[in-house]
C-alpha atoms as a PDB file:
ATOM      1  CA  MET A   1       7.429  -2.148  -5.259  1.00  0.00           C
ATOM      2  CA  GLU A   2       9.362  -0.962  -2.254  1.00  0.00           C
ATOM      3  CA  PRO A   3       8.841  -1.363   1.505  1.00  0.00           C
ATOM      4  CA  ASP A   4       6.242   0.858   3.168  1.00  0.00           C
ATOM      5  CA  THR A   5       6.531   1.698   6.863  1.00  0.00           C
ATOM      6  CA  THR A   6       3.013   3.127   7.204  1.00  0.00           C
ATOM      7  CA  PRO A   7       1.868   2.301  10.777  1.00  0.00           C
ATOM      8  CA  CYS A   8      -1.440   0.823   9.581  1.00  0.00           C
ATOM      9  CA  PHE A   9       0.522  -2.172   8.219  1.00  0.00           C
ATOM     10  CA  ILE A  10       2.268  -4.944  10.122  1.00  0.00           C
ATOM     11  CA  PRO A  11       6.015  -4.118   9.993  1.00  0.00           C
ATOM     12  CA  GLY A  12       7.566  -5.834   6.978  1.00  0.00           C
ATOM     13  CA  ARG A  13       4.177  -6.554   5.384  1.00  0.00           C
ATOM     14  CA  GLY A  14       3.505  -3.280   3.593  1.00  0.00           C
ATOM     15  CA  ALA A  15       4.683  -2.018   0.222  1.00  0.00           C
ATOM     16  CA  ARG A  16       4.407   1.046  -1.976  1.00  0.00           C
ATOM     17  CA  VAL A  17       3.369   0.263  -5.531  1.00  0.00           C
ATOM     18  CA  LEU A  18       5.520   2.093  -8.060  1.00  0.00           C
ATOM     19  CA  ALA A  19       5.066   2.902 -11.722  1.00  0.00           C
ATOM     20  CA  VAL A  20       8.430   2.641 -13.468  1.00  0.00           C
ATOM     21  CA  ARG A  21       9.472   4.082 -16.813  1.00  0.00           C
ATOM     22  CA  ALA A  22      13.135   4.143 -17.799  1.00  0.00           C
ATOM     23  CA  GLU A  23      14.870   5.597 -14.716  1.00  0.00           C
ATOM     24  CA  GLU A  24      11.781   7.336 -13.315  1.00  0.00           C
ATOM     25  CA  ARG A  25       9.809   5.758 -10.465  1.00  0.00           C
ATOM     26  CA  ARG A  26       6.512   7.148  -9.215  1.00  0.00           C
ATOM     27  CA  PRO A  27       4.462   5.917  -6.245  1.00  0.00           C
ATOM     28  CA  VAL A  28       0.923   5.094  -7.379  1.00  0.00           C
ATOM     29  CA  GLY A  29      -0.427   2.924  -4.575  1.00  0.00           C
ATOM     30  CA  ARG A  30       0.021   0.848  -1.448  1.00  0.00           C
ATOM     31  CA  MET A  31      -0.606  -2.686  -0.353  1.00  0.00           C
ATOM     32  CA  GLY A  32      -0.152  -4.648   2.834  1.00  0.00           C
ATOM     33  CA  GLU A  33      -1.560  -6.559   5.770  1.00  0.00           C
ATOM     34  CA  LEU A  34      -3.317  -4.383   8.331  1.00  0.00           C
ATOM     35  CA  HIS A  35      -1.807  -4.117  11.806  1.00  0.00           C
ATOM     36  CA  PRO A  36      -3.719  -5.876  14.621  1.00  0.00           C
ATOM     37  CA  ARG A  37      -4.443  -2.482  16.257  1.00  0.00           C
ATOM     38  CA  VAL A  38      -6.268  -1.403  13.094  1.00  0.00           C
ATOM     39  CA  LEU A  39      -8.252  -4.640  13.112  1.00  0.00           C
ATOM     40  CA  LEU A  40      -9.257  -4.082  16.756  1.00  0.00           C
ATOM     41  CA  ASN A  41     -10.213  -0.442  16.144  1.00  0.00           C
ATOM     42  CA  HIS A  42     -12.549  -1.518  13.340  1.00  0.00           C
ATOM     43  CA  LYS A  43     -13.786  -4.670  15.109  1.00  0.00           C
ATOM     44  CA  LEU A  44     -12.426  -6.975  12.419  1.00  0.00           C
ATOM     45  CA  ALA A  45     -11.893 -10.573  13.537  1.00  0.00           C
ATOM     46  CA  GLN A  46      -9.861 -11.886  10.588  1.00  0.00           C
ATOM     47  CA  PRO A  47      -6.579 -10.689   9.048  1.00  0.00           C
ATOM     48  CA  VAL A  48      -7.098  -8.166   6.246  1.00  0.00           C
ATOM     49  CA  ALA A  49      -4.878  -7.355   3.281  1.00  0.00           C
ATOM     50  CA  VAL A  50      -5.462  -4.150   1.333  1.00  0.00           C
ATOM     51  CA  PHE A  51      -4.472  -2.935  -2.121  1.00  0.00           C
ATOM     52  CA  ALA A  52      -5.071   0.562  -3.456  1.00  0.00           C
ATOM     53  CA  VAL A  53      -3.919   2.147  -6.719  1.00  0.00           C
ATOM     54  CA  ASP A  54      -4.378   5.761  -7.757  1.00  0.00           C
ATOM     55  CA  VAL A  55      -5.590   5.207 -11.314  1.00  0.00           C
ATOM     56  CA  GLU A  56      -5.706   8.966 -11.950  1.00  0.00           C
ATOM     57  CA  ALA A  57      -1.969   9.193 -11.211  1.00  0.00           C
ATOM     58  CA  LEU A  58      -1.362   6.367 -13.667  1.00  0.00           C
ATOM     59  CA  ALA A  59      -3.540   7.959 -16.345  1.00  0.00           C
ATOM     60  CA  LEU A  60      -1.821  11.350 -16.010  1.00  0.00           C
ATOM     61  CA  TRP A  61       1.680   9.845 -16.187  1.00  0.00           C
ATOM     62  CA  ARG A  62       2.347   9.672 -19.908  1.00  0.00           C
END
């Protein structure tokens, strides 16, 4: 994983998920805690953490 500065996440609480093989690193997903603005826009009352992986990208990387 490596830090992700996507604005939908609280700063410092987002990460890119990487697939690693030898010296090659490929981003295959993201995870993090949603920023309070996102929660307000979607009328969510509780903190929300998200995790998404592109399984097609993983399957094609052989």
